[in-house]
Amino acid sequence: MPKTTQLRTYTVREGMLDEWVERWRAEIVPLRLELGFSIGGAWVDRERNQFVWLISYEGPETFADRNALYWASPERKAMNLDPDEYLVHTDDRTVEAVEPQL
């Protein structure tokens, strides 16, 4: 399958941004990488209480199929991490890279 990249923007509950980032780093990223995803970067926008990141998958399955595998995995369930406890809004967009013409 061709590479699929999503730009994800999460609005985090007031006062929980740093805790969300730490759980993302410690729990979500390692499992995503183990399952063949790549992380293109992550940023916090403290003024808007948002967390923004790029996640990609390029492999034999579709992004959606691999994402479903992530959510159904025993490792994900063992995290005991309910995104609704942290996130008030999510915006996931599939994006394509554009190279500048120089």
PDB file of N, CA and C in Angstrom:
ATOM      1  N   MET A   1       0.855  -1.184   0.000  1.00  0.00           N
ATOM      2  CA  MET A   1       0.000   0.000   0.000  1.00  0.00           C
ATOM      3  C   MET A   1       0.896   1.241   0.000  1.00  0.00           C
ATOM      4  N   PRO A   2       0.409   2.314  -0.585  1.00  0.00           N
ATOM      5  CA  PRO A   2       1.197   3.552  -0.542  1.00  0.00           C
ATOM      6  C   PRO A   2       1.220   4.128   0.878  1.00  0.00           C
ATOM      7  N   LYS A   3       2.182   4.967   1.112  1.00  0.00           N
ATOM      8  CA  LYS A   3       2.324   5.610   2.422  1.00  0.00           C
ATOM      9  C   LYS A   3       1.139   6.543   2.671  1.00  0.00           C
ATOM     10  N   THR A   4       0.585   6.426   3.862  1.00  0.00           N
ATOM     11  CA  THR A   4      -0.501   7.307   4.298  1.00  0.00           C
ATOM     12  C   THR A   4      -0.011   8.068   5.520  1.00  0.00           C
ATOM     13  N   THR A   5      -0.218   9.375   5.508  1.00  0.00           N
ATOM     14  CA  THR A   5       0.170  10.228   6.636  1.00  0.00           C
ATOM     15  C   THR A   5      -1.056  10.977   7.138  1.00  0.00           C
ATOM     16  N   GLN A   6      -1.204  11.001   8.440  1.00  0.00           N
ATOM     17  CA  GLN A   6      -2.270  11.790   9.058  1.00  0.00           C
ATOM     18  C   GLN A   6      -1.671  12.894   9.908  1.00  0.00           C
ATOM     19  N   LEU A   7      -2.251  14.067   9.798  1.00  0.00           N
ATOM     20  CA  LEU A   7      -1.967  15.199  10.674  1.00  0.00           C
ATOM     21  C   LEU A   7      -3.071  15.186  11.718  1.00  0.00           C
ATOM     22  N   ARG A   8      -2.683  14.983  12.954  1.00  0.00           N
ATOM     23  CA  ARG A   8      -3.660  14.883  14.032  1.00  0.00           C
ATOM     24  C   ARG A   8      -3.517  16.068  14.982  1.00  0.00           C
ATOM     25  N   THR A   9      -4.618  16.723  15.223  1.00  0.00           N
ATOM     26  CA  THR A   9      -4.654  17.849  16.151  1.00  0.00           C
ATOM     27  C   THR A   9      -5.646  17.518  17.254  1.00  0.00           C
ATOM     28  N   TYR A  10      -5.150  17.498  18.480  1.00  0.00           N
ATOM     29  CA  TYR A  10      -5.980  17.172  19.636  1.00  0.00           C
ATOM     30  C   TYR A  10      -6.074  18.391  20.540  1.00  0.00           C
ATOM     31  N   THR A  11      -7.285  18.771  20.888  1.00  0.00           N
ATOM     32  CA  THR A  11      -7.488  19.784  21.909  1.00  0.00           C
ATOM     33  C   THR A  11      -7.609  19.045  23.241  1.00  0.00           C
ATOM     34  N   VAL A  12      -6.720  19.393  24.159  1.00  0.00           N
ATOM     35  CA  VAL A  12      -6.580  18.658  25.418  1.00  0.00           C
ATOM     36  C   VAL A  12      -7.297  19.427  26.539  1.00  0.00           C
ATOM     37  N   ARG A  13      -7.861  18.670  27.457  1.00  0.00           N
ATOM     38  CA  ARG A  13      -8.540  19.290  28.608  1.00  0.00           C
ATOM     39  C   ARG A  13      -7.567  20.206  29.362  1.00  0.00           C
ATOM     40  N   GLU A  14      -8.105  21.284  29.857  1.00  0.00           N
ATOM     41  CA  GLU A  14      -7.324  22.271  30.598  1.00  0.00           C
ATOM     42  C   GLU A  14      -6.531  21.599  31.713  1.00  0.00           C
ATOM     43  N   GLY A  15      -5.238  21.916  31.762  1.00  0.00           N
ATOM     44  CA  GLY A  15      -4.372  21.411  32.814  1.00  0.00           C
ATOM     45  C   GLY A  15      -3.836  20.005  32.595  1.00  0.00           C
ATOM     46  N   MET A  16      -4.166  19.375  31.461  1.00  0.00           N
ATOM     47  CA  MET A  16      -3.760  17.987  31.239  1.00  0.00           C
ATOM     48  C   MET A  16      -2.786  17.829  30.070  1.00  0.00           C
ATOM     49  N   LEU A  17      -2.344  18.921  29.468  1.00  0.00           N
ATOM     50  CA  LEU A  17      -1.491  18.833  28.283  1.00  0.00           C
ATOM     51  C   LEU A  17      -0.181  18.104  28.570  1.00  0.00           C
ATOM     52  N   ASP A  18       0.513  18.474  29.620  1.00  0.00           N
ATOM     53  CA  ASP A  18       1.799  17.842  29.928  1.00  0.00           C
ATOM     54  C   ASP A  18       1.631  16.356  30.258  1.00  0.00           C
ATOM     55  N   GLU A  19       0.594  16.009  30.985  1.00  0.00           N
ATOM     56  CA  GLU A  19       0.339  14.601  31.310  1.00  0.00           C
ATOM     57  C   GLU A  19       0.030  13.816  30.032  1.00  0.00           C
ATOM     58  N   TRP A  20      -0.773  14.416  29.133  1.00  0.00           N
ATOM     59  CA  TRP A  20      -1.063  13.760  27.862  1.00  0.00           C
ATOM     60  C   TRP A  20       0.228  13.505  27.079  1.00  0.00           C
ATOM     61  N   VAL A  21       1.094  14.505  26.989  1.00  0.00           N
ATOM     62  CA  VAL A  21       2.347  14.358  26.246  1.00  0.00           C
ATOM     63  C   VAL A  21       3.191  13.225  26.831  1.00  0.00           C
ATOM     64  N   GLU A  22       3.276  13.145  28.135  1.00  0.00           N
ATOM     65  CA  GLU A  22       4.084  12.097  28.758  1.00  0.00           C
ATOM     66  C   GLU A  22       3.520  10.708  28.489  1.00  0.00           C
ATOM     67  N   ARG A  23       2.212  10.574  28.560  1.00  0.00           N
ATOM     68  CA  ARG A  23       1.604   9.264  28.272  1.00  0.00           C
ATOM     69  C   ARG A  23       1.763   8.920  26.800  1.00  0.00           C
ATOM     70  N   TRP A  24       1.642   9.915  25.918  1.00  0.00           N
ATOM     71  CA  TRP A  24       1.844   9.700  24.486  1.00  0.00           C
ATOM     72  C   TRP A  24       3.264   9.183  24.233  1.00  0.00           C
ATOM     73  N   ARG A  25       4.236   9.868  24.823  1.00  0.00           N
ATOM     74  CA  ARG A  25       5.642   9.461  24.655  1.00  0.00           C
ATOM     75  C   ARG A  25       5.912   8.063  25.196  1.00  0.00           C
ATOM     76  N   ALA A  26       5.449   7.800  26.400  1.00  0.00           N
ATOM     77  CA  ALA A  26       5.800   6.571  27.107  1.00  0.00           C
ATOM     78  C   ALA A  26       5.002   5.349  26.653  1.00  0.00           C
ATOM     79  N   GLU A  27       3.759   5.556  26.229  1.00  0.00           N
ATOM     80  CA  GLU A  27       2.882   4.420  25.954  1.00  0.00           C
ATOM     81  C   GLU A  27       2.461   4.308  24.493  1.00  0.00           C
ATOM     82  N   ILE A  28       2.002   5.396  23.917  1.00  0.00           N
ATOM     83  CA  ILE A  28       1.453   5.347  22.562  1.00  0.00           C
ATOM     84  C   ILE A  28       2.556   5.191  21.523  1.00  0.00           C
ATOM     85  N   VAL A  29       3.577   6.030  21.596  1.00  0.00           N
ATOM     86  CA  VAL A  29       4.637   6.003  20.580  1.00  0.00           C
ATOM     87  C   VAL A  29       5.306   4.629  20.479  1.00  0.00           C
ATOM     88  N   PRO A  30       5.754   4.014  21.585  1.00  0.00           N
ATOM     89  CA  PRO A  30       6.418   2.716  21.439  1.00  0.00           C
ATOM     90  C   PRO A  30       5.554   1.652  20.737  1.00  0.00           C
ATOM     91  N   LEU A  31       4.270   1.615  21.067  1.00  0.00           N
ATOM     92  CA  LEU A  31       3.397   0.629  20.433  1.00  0.00           C
ATOM     93  C   LEU A  31       3.171   0.960  18.967  1.00  0.00           C
ATOM     94  N   ARG A  32       2.966   2.229  18.663  1.00  0.00           N
ATOM     95  CA  ARG A  32       2.796   2.625  17.256  1.00  0.00           C
ATOM     96  C   ARG A  32       4.024   2.213  16.444  1.00  0.00           C
ATOM     97  N   LEU A  33       5.210   2.473  16.968  1.00  0.00           N
ATOM     98  CA  LEU A  33       6.440   2.118  16.254  1.00  0.00           C
ATOM     99  C   LEU A  33       6.559   0.600  16.107  1.00  0.00           C
ATOM    100  N   GLU A  34       6.234  -0.120  17.148  1.00  0.00           N
ATOM    101  CA  GLU A  34       6.288  -1.585  17.109  1.00  0.00           C
ATOM    102  C   GLU A  34       5.369  -2.141  16.020  1.00  0.00           C
ATOM    103  N   LEU A  35       4.252  -1.465  15.782  1.00  0.00           N
ATOM    104  CA  LEU A  35       3.282  -1.929  14.792  1.00  0.00           C
ATOM    105  C   LEU A  35       3.551  -1.370  13.392  1.00  0.00           C
ATOM    106  N   GLY A  36       4.696  -0.723  13.202  1.00  0.00           N
ATOM    107  CA  GLY A  36       5.092  -0.299  11.865  1.00  0.00           C
ATOM    108  C   GLY A  36       4.734   1.121  11.474  1.00  0.00           C
ATOM    109  N   PHE A  37       4.183   1.891  12.397  1.00  0.00           N
ATOM    110  CA  PHE A  37       3.895   3.295  12.118  1.00  0.00           C
ATOM    111  C   PHE A  37       5.188   4.094  12.271  1.00  0.00           C
ATOM    112  N   SER A  38       5.230   5.265  11.678  1.00  0.00           N
ATOM    113  CA  SER A  38       6.327   6.196  11.920  1.00  0.00           C
ATOM    114  C   SER A  38       5.732   7.515  12.389  1.00  0.00           C
ATOM    115  N   ILE A  39       6.498   8.214  13.208  1.00  0.00           N
ATOM    116  CA  ILE A  39       6.062   9.500  13.756  1.00  0.00           C
ATOM    117  C   ILE A  39       6.898  10.582  13.092  1.00  0.00           C
ATOM    118  N   GLY A  40       6.249  11.496  12.401  1.00  0.00           N
ATOM    119  CA  GLY A  40       6.942  12.549  11.658  1.00  0.00           C
ATOM    120  C   GLY A  40       7.250  13.780  12.480  1.00  0.00           C
ATOM    121  N   GLY A  41       6.749  13.839  13.695  1.00  0.00           N
ATOM    122  CA  GLY A  41       6.981  14.979  14.573  1.00  0.00           C
ATOM    123  C   GLY A  41       5.772  15.202  15.454  1.00  0.00           C
ATOM    124  N   ALA A  42       5.982  15.969  16.518  1.00  0.00           N
ATOM    125  CA  ALA A  42       4.897  16.303  17.439  1.00  0.00           C
ATOM    126  C   ALA A  42       5.185  17.668  18.049  1.00  0.00           C
ATOM    127  N   TRP A  43       4.126  18.422  18.284  1.00  0.00           N
ATOM    128  CA  TRP A  43       4.252  19.784  18.788  1.00  0.00           C
ATOM    129  C   TRP A  43       3.131  20.066  19.781  1.00  0.00           C
ATOM    130  N   VAL A  44       3.386  20.968  20.725  1.00  0.00           N
ATOM    131  CA  VAL A  44       2.324  21.469  21.597  1.00  0.00           C
ATOM    132  C   VAL A  44       2.089  22.936  21.267  1.00  0.00           C
ATOM    133  N   ASP A  45       0.842  23.323  21.288  1.00  0.00           N
ATOM    134  CA  ASP A  45       0.416  24.708  21.128  1.00  0.00           C
ATOM    135  C   ASP A  45      -0.253  25.069  22.450  1.00  0.00           C
ATOM    136  N   ARG A  46       0.547  25.598  23.365  1.00  0.00           N
ATOM    137  CA  ARG A  46       0.046  25.858  24.717  1.00  0.00           C
ATOM    138  C   ARG A  46      -1.053  26.921  24.733  1.00  0.00           C
ATOM    139  N   GLU A  47      -0.977  27.876  23.840  1.00  0.00           N
ATOM    140  CA  GLU A  47      -1.992  28.930  23.789  1.00  0.00           C
ATOM    141  C   GLU A  47      -3.381  28.355  23.511  1.00  0.00           C
ATOM    142  N   ARG A  48      -3.436  27.336  22.680  1.00  0.00           N
ATOM    143  CA  ARG A  48      -4.717  26.719  22.320  1.00  0.00           C
ATOM    144  C   ARG A  48      -4.954  25.401  23.062  1.00  0.00           C
ATOM    145  N   ASN A  49      -4.010  25.008  23.918  1.00  0.00           N
ATOM    146  CA  ASN A  49      -4.090  23.741  24.654  1.00  0.00           C
ATOM    147  C   ASN A  49      -4.245  22.573  23.677  1.00  0.00           C
ATOM    148  N   GLN A  50      -3.385  22.583  22.633  1.00  0.00           N
ATOM    149  CA  GLN A  50      -3.466  21.549  21.604  1.00  0.00           C
ATOM    150  C   GLN A  50      -2.159  20.776  21.481  1.00  0.00           C
ATOM    151  N   PHE A  51      -2.326  19.538  21.048  1.00  0.00           N
ATOM    152  CA  PHE A  51      -1.224  18.638  20.747  1.00  0.00           C
ATOM    153  C   PHE A  51      -1.370  18.252  19.277  1.00  0.00           C
ATOM    154  N   VAL A  52      -0.306  18.438  18.501  1.00  0.00           N
ATOM    155  CA  VAL A  52      -0.349  18.200  17.054  1.00  0.00           C
ATOM    156  C   VAL A  52       0.755  17.208  16.712  1.00  0.00           C
ATOM    157  N   TRP A  53       0.426  16.203  15.892  1.00  0.00           N
ATOM    158  CA  TRP A  53       1.452  15.240  15.501  1.00  0.00           C
ATOM    159  C   TRP A  53       1.167  14.664  14.131  1.00  0.00           C
ATOM    160  N   LEU A  54       2.239  14.122  13.524  1.00  0.00           N
ATOM    161  CA  LEU A  54       2.160  13.442  12.237  1.00  0.00           C
ATOM    162  C   LEU A  54       2.428  11.963  12.451  1.00  0.00           C
ATOM    163  N   ILE A  55       1.562  11.123  11.927  1.00  0.00           N
ATOM    164  CA  ILE A  55       1.738   9.678  11.997  1.00  0.00           C
ATOM    165  C   ILE A  55       1.553   9.104  10.602  1.00  0.00           C
ATOM    166  N   SER A  56       2.435   8.163  10.233  1.00  0.00           N
ATOM    167  CA  SER A  56       2.386   7.569   8.897  1.00  0.00           C
ATOM    168  C   SER A  56       2.449   6.056   8.998  1.00  0.00           C
ATOM    169  N   TYR A  57       1.923   5.424   7.945  1.00  0.00           N
ATOM    170  CA  TYR A  57       2.054   3.977   7.807  1.00  0.00           C
ATOM    171  C   TYR A  57       2.239   3.662   6.336  1.00  0.00           C
ATOM    172  N   GLU A  58       3.222   2.820   6.067  1.00  0.00           N
ATOM    173  CA  GLU A  58       3.453   2.318   4.714  1.00  0.00           C
ATOM    174  C   GLU A  58       3.780   0.845   4.850  1.00  0.00           C
ATOM    175  N   GLY A  59       2.878  -0.002   4.410  1.00  0.00           N
ATOM    176  CA  GLY A  59       3.079  -1.435   4.558  1.00  0.00           C
ATOM    177  C   GLY A  59       2.055  -2.205   3.751  1.00  0.00           C
ATOM    178  N   PRO A  60       1.932  -3.500   4.040  1.00  0.00           N
ATOM    179  CA  PRO A  60       1.041  -4.340   3.250  1.00  0.00           C
ATOM    180  C   PRO A  60      -0.444  -4.079   3.482  1.00  0.00           C
ATOM    181  N   GLU A  61      -0.781  -3.442   4.594  1.00  0.00           N
ATOM    182  CA  GLU A  61      -2.180  -3.160   4.915  1.00  0.00           C
ATOM    183  C   GLU A  61      -2.475  -1.681   4.679  1.00  0.00           C
ATOM    184  N   THR A  62      -3.736  -1.327   4.744  1.00  0.00           N
ATOM    185  CA  THR A  62      -4.096   0.089   4.691  1.00  0.00           C
ATOM    186  C   THR A  62      -3.832   0.718   6.059  1.00  0.00           C
ATOM    187  N   PHE A  63      -3.757   2.032   6.097  1.00  0.00           N
ATOM    188  CA  PHE A  63      -3.606   2.753   7.358  1.00  0.00           C
ATOM    189  C   PHE A  63      -4.763   2.375   8.287  1.00  0.00           C
ATOM    190  N   ALA A  64      -5.970   2.358   7.753  1.00  0.00           N
ATOM    191  CA  ALA A  64      -7.152   2.058   8.571  1.00  0.00           C
ATOM    192  C   ALA A  64      -7.069   0.657   9.171  1.00  0.00           C
ATOM    193  N   ASP A  65      -6.633  -0.317   8.373  1.00  0.00           N
ATOM    194  CA  ASP A  65      -6.517  -1.681   8.889  1.00  0.00           C
ATOM    195  C   ASP A  65      -5.461  -1.766   9.982  1.00  0.00           C
ATOM    196  N   ARG A  66      -4.328  -1.114   9.768  1.00  0.00           N
ATOM    197  CA  ARG A  66      -3.255  -1.148  10.754  1.00  0.00           C
ATOM    198  C   ARG A  66      -3.661  -0.386  12.015  1.00  0.00           C
ATOM    199  N   ASN A  67      -4.402   0.699  11.840  1.00  0.00           N
ATOM    200  CA  ASN A  67      -4.890   1.463  12.983  1.00  0.00           C
ATOM    201  C   ASN A  67      -5.867   0.621  13.809  1.00  0.00           C
ATOM    202  N   ALA A  68      -6.717  -0.146  13.141  1.00  0.00           N
ATOM    203  CA  ALA A  68      -7.646  -1.028  13.847  1.00  0.00           C
ATOM    204  C   ALA A  68      -6.880  -2.087  14.645  1.00  0.00           C
ATOM    205  N   LEU A  69      -5.784  -2.594  14.070  1.00  0.00           N
ATOM    206  CA  LEU A  69      -4.943  -3.554  14.775  1.00  0.00           C
ATOM    207  C   LEU A  69      -4.359  -2.932  16.046  1.00  0.00           C
ATOM    208  N   TYR A  70      -3.920  -1.677  15.944  1.00  0.00           N
ATOM    209  CA  TYR A  70      -3.402  -0.950  17.107  1.00  0.00           C
ATOM    210  C   TYR A  70      -4.454  -0.899  18.214  1.00  0.00           C
ATOM    211  N   TRP A  71      -5.664  -0.468  17.872  1.00  0.00           N
ATOM    212  CA  TRP A  71      -6.710  -0.306  18.879  1.00  0.00           C
ATOM    213  C   TRP A  71      -7.156  -1.637  19.478  1.00  0.00           C
ATOM    214  N   ALA A  72      -7.084  -2.727  18.694  1.00  0.00           N
ATOM    215  CA  ALA A  72      -7.520  -4.039  19.175  1.00  0.00           C
ATOM    216  C   ALA A  72      -6.426  -4.800  19.913  1.00  0.00           C
ATOM    217  N   SER A  73      -5.206  -4.295  19.896  1.00  0.00           N
ATOM    218  CA  SER A  73      -4.084  -5.033  20.477  1.00  0.00           C
ATOM    219  C   SER A  73      -4.202  -5.133  22.003  1.00  0.00           C
ATOM    220  N   PRO A  74      -3.726  -6.232  22.561  1.00  0.00           N
ATOM    221  CA  PRO A  74      -3.709  -6.375  24.026  1.00  0.00           C
ATOM    222  C   PRO A  74      -2.851  -5.294  24.688  1.00  0.00           C
ATOM    223  N   GLU A  75      -1.778  -4.876  24.011  1.00  0.00           N
ATOM    224  CA  GLU A  75      -0.907  -3.836  24.569  1.00  0.00           C
ATOM    225  C   GLU A  75      -1.662  -2.515  24.706  1.00  0.00           C
ATOM    226  N   ARG A  76      -2.495  -2.186  23.710  1.00  0.00           N
ATOM    227  CA  ARG A  76      -3.274  -0.938  23.779  1.00  0.00           C
ATOM    228  C   ARG A  76      -4.294  -1.019  24.900  1.00  0.00           C
ATOM    229  N   LYS A  77      -4.947  -2.155  24.998  1.00  0.00           N
ATOM    230  CA  LYS A  77      -5.942  -2.329  26.072  1.00  0.00           C
ATOM    231  C   LYS A  77      -5.281  -2.238  27.452  1.00  0.00           C
ATOM    232  N   ALA A  78      -4.062  -2.757  27.580  1.00  0.00           N
ATOM    233  CA  ALA A  78      -3.354  -2.757  28.862  1.00  0.00           C
ATOM    234  C   ALA A  78      -2.934  -1.353  29.302  1.00  0.00           C
ATOM    235  N   MET A  79      -2.910  -0.415  28.380  1.00  0.00           N
ATOM    236  CA  MET A  79      -2.547   0.963  28.745  1.00  0.00           C
ATOM    237  C   MET A  79      -3.542   1.581  29.716  1.00  0.00           C
ATOM    238  N   ASN A  80      -4.785   1.102  29.680  1.00  0.00           N
ATOM    239  CA  ASN A  80      -5.833   1.708  30.497  1.00  0.00           C
ATOM    240  C   ASN A  80      -5.857   3.217  30.271  1.00  0.00           C
ATOM    241  N   LEU A  81      -5.833   3.588  28.996  1.00  0.00           N
ATOM    242  CA  LEU A  81      -5.788   4.992  28.587  1.00  0.00           C
ATOM    243  C   LEU A  81      -7.008   5.299  27.731  1.00  0.00           C
ATOM    244  N   ASP A  82      -7.941   6.023  28.298  1.00  0.00           N
ATOM    245  CA  ASP A  82      -9.135   6.441  27.573  1.00  0.00           C
ATOM    246  C   ASP A  82      -8.894   7.859  27.065  1.00  0.00           C
ATOM    247  N   PRO A  83      -8.770   8.027  25.741  1.00  0.00           N
ATOM    248  CA  PRO A  83      -8.512   9.366  25.204  1.00  0.00           C
ATOM    249  C   PRO A  83      -9.533  10.408  25.650  1.00  0.00           C
ATOM    250  N   ASP A  84     -10.769   9.994  25.879  1.00  0.00           N
ATOM    251  CA  ASP A  84     -11.807  10.950  26.293  1.00  0.00           C
ATOM    252  C   ASP A  84     -11.507  11.592  27.645  1.00  0.00           C
ATOM    253  N   GLU A  85     -10.665  10.956  28.451  1.00  0.00           N
ATOM    254  CA  GLU A  85     -10.282  11.559  29.734  1.00  0.00           C
ATOM    255  C   GLU A  85      -9.369  12.769  29.523  1.00  0.00           C
ATOM    256  N   TYR A  86      -8.683  12.803  28.376  1.00  0.00           N
ATOM    257  CA  TYR A  86      -7.715  13.860  28.082  1.00  0.00           C
ATOM    258  C   TYR A  86      -8.152  14.813  26.983  1.00  0.00           C
ATOM    259  N   LEU A  87      -8.854  14.300  25.983  1.00  0.00           N
ATOM    260  CA  LEU A  87      -9.106  15.067  24.766  1.00  0.00           C
ATOM    261  C   LEU A  87     -10.548  15.529  24.671  1.00  0.00           C
ATOM    262  N   VAL A  88     -10.723  16.818  24.370  1.00  0.00           N
ATOM    263  CA  VAL A  88     -12.073  17.345  24.189  1.00  0.00           C
ATOM    264  C   VAL A  88     -12.455  17.399  22.714  1.00  0.00           C
ATOM    265  N   HIS A  89     -11.445  17.380  21.828  1.00  0.00           N
ATOM    266  CA  HIS A  89     -11.715  17.400  20.387  1.00  0.00           C
ATOM    267  C   HIS A  89     -10.514  16.827  19.650  1.00  0.00           C
ATOM    268  N   THR A  90     -10.790  16.056  18.598  1.00  0.00           N
ATOM    269  CA  THR A  90      -9.724  15.555  17.739  1.00  0.00           C
ATOM    270  C   THR A  90     -10.040  15.892  16.293  1.00  0.00           C
ATOM    271  N   ASP A  91      -8.997  16.191  15.538  1.00  0.00           N
ATOM    272  CA  ASP A  91      -9.126  16.456  14.106  1.00  0.00           C
ATOM    273  C   ASP A  91      -8.021  15.676  13.409  1.00  0.00           C
ATOM    274  N   ASP A  92      -8.394  14.620  12.701  1.00  0.00           N
ATOM    275  CA  ASP A  92      -7.442  13.772  11.986  1.00  0.00           C
ATOM    276  C   ASP A  92      -7.625  14.016  10.492  1.00  0.00           C
ATOM    277  N   ARG A  93      -6.537  14.416   9.836  1.00  0.00           N
ATOM    278  CA  ARG A  93      -6.591  14.700   8.403  1.00  0.00           C
ATOM    279  C   ARG A  93      -5.529  13.894   7.679  1.00  0.00           C
ATOM    280  N   THR A  94      -5.909  13.235   6.604  1.00  0.00           N
ATOM    281  CA  THR A  94      -4.939  12.556   5.760  1.00  0.00           C
ATOM    282  C   THR A  94      -4.325  13.602   4.844  1.00  0.00           C
ATOM    283  N   VAL A  95      -2.994  13.674   4.854  1.00  0.00           N
ATOM    284  CA  VAL A  95      -2.285  14.716   4.104  1.00  0.00           C
ATOM    285  C   VAL A  95      -1.222  14.080   3.208  1.00  0.00           C
ATOM    286  N   GLU A  96      -0.808  14.821   2.196  1.00  0.00           N
ATOM    287  CA  GLU A  96       0.256  14.397   1.288  1.00  0.00           C
ATOM    288  C   GLU A  96       1.360  15.433   1.325  1.00  0.00           C
ATOM    289  N   ALA A  97       2.596  14.949   1.289  1.00  0.00           N
ATOM    290  CA  ALA A  97       3.755  15.854   1.271  1.00  0.00           C
ATOM    291  C   ALA A  97       3.839  16.558  -0.089  1.00  0.00           C
ATOM    292  N   VAL A  98       4.247  17.791  -0.050  1.00  0.00           N
ATOM    293  CA  VAL A  98       4.479  18.578  -1.258  1.00  0.00           C
ATOM    294  C   VAL A  98       5.901  19.119  -1.184  1.00  0.00           C
ATOM    295  N   GLU A  99       6.700  18.788  -2.163  1.00  0.00           N
ATOM    296  CA  GLU A  99       8.071  19.257  -2.201  1.00  0.00           C
ATOM    297  C   GLU A  99       8.110  20.657  -2.802  1.00  0.00           C
ATOM    298  N   PRO A 100       8.874  21.577  -2.218  1.00  0.00           N
ATOM    299  CA  PRO A 100       8.969  22.923  -2.796  1.00  0.00           C
ATOM    300  C   PRO A 100       9.744  22.882  -4.107  1.00  0.00           C
ATOM    301  N   GLN A 101       9.356  23.727  -5.017  1.00  0.00           N
ATOM    302  CA  GLN A 101      10.110  23.869  -6.264  1.00  0.00           C
ATOM    303  C   GLN A 101      11.126  24.964  -6.077  1.00  0.00           C
ATOM    304  N   LEU A 102      12.370  24.610  -6.212  1.00  0.00           N
ATOM    305  CA  LEU A 102      13.439  25.586  -6.007  1.00  0.00           C
ATOM    306  C   LEU A 102      14.024  26.031  -7.327  1.00  0.00           C
TER     307      LEU A 102
END
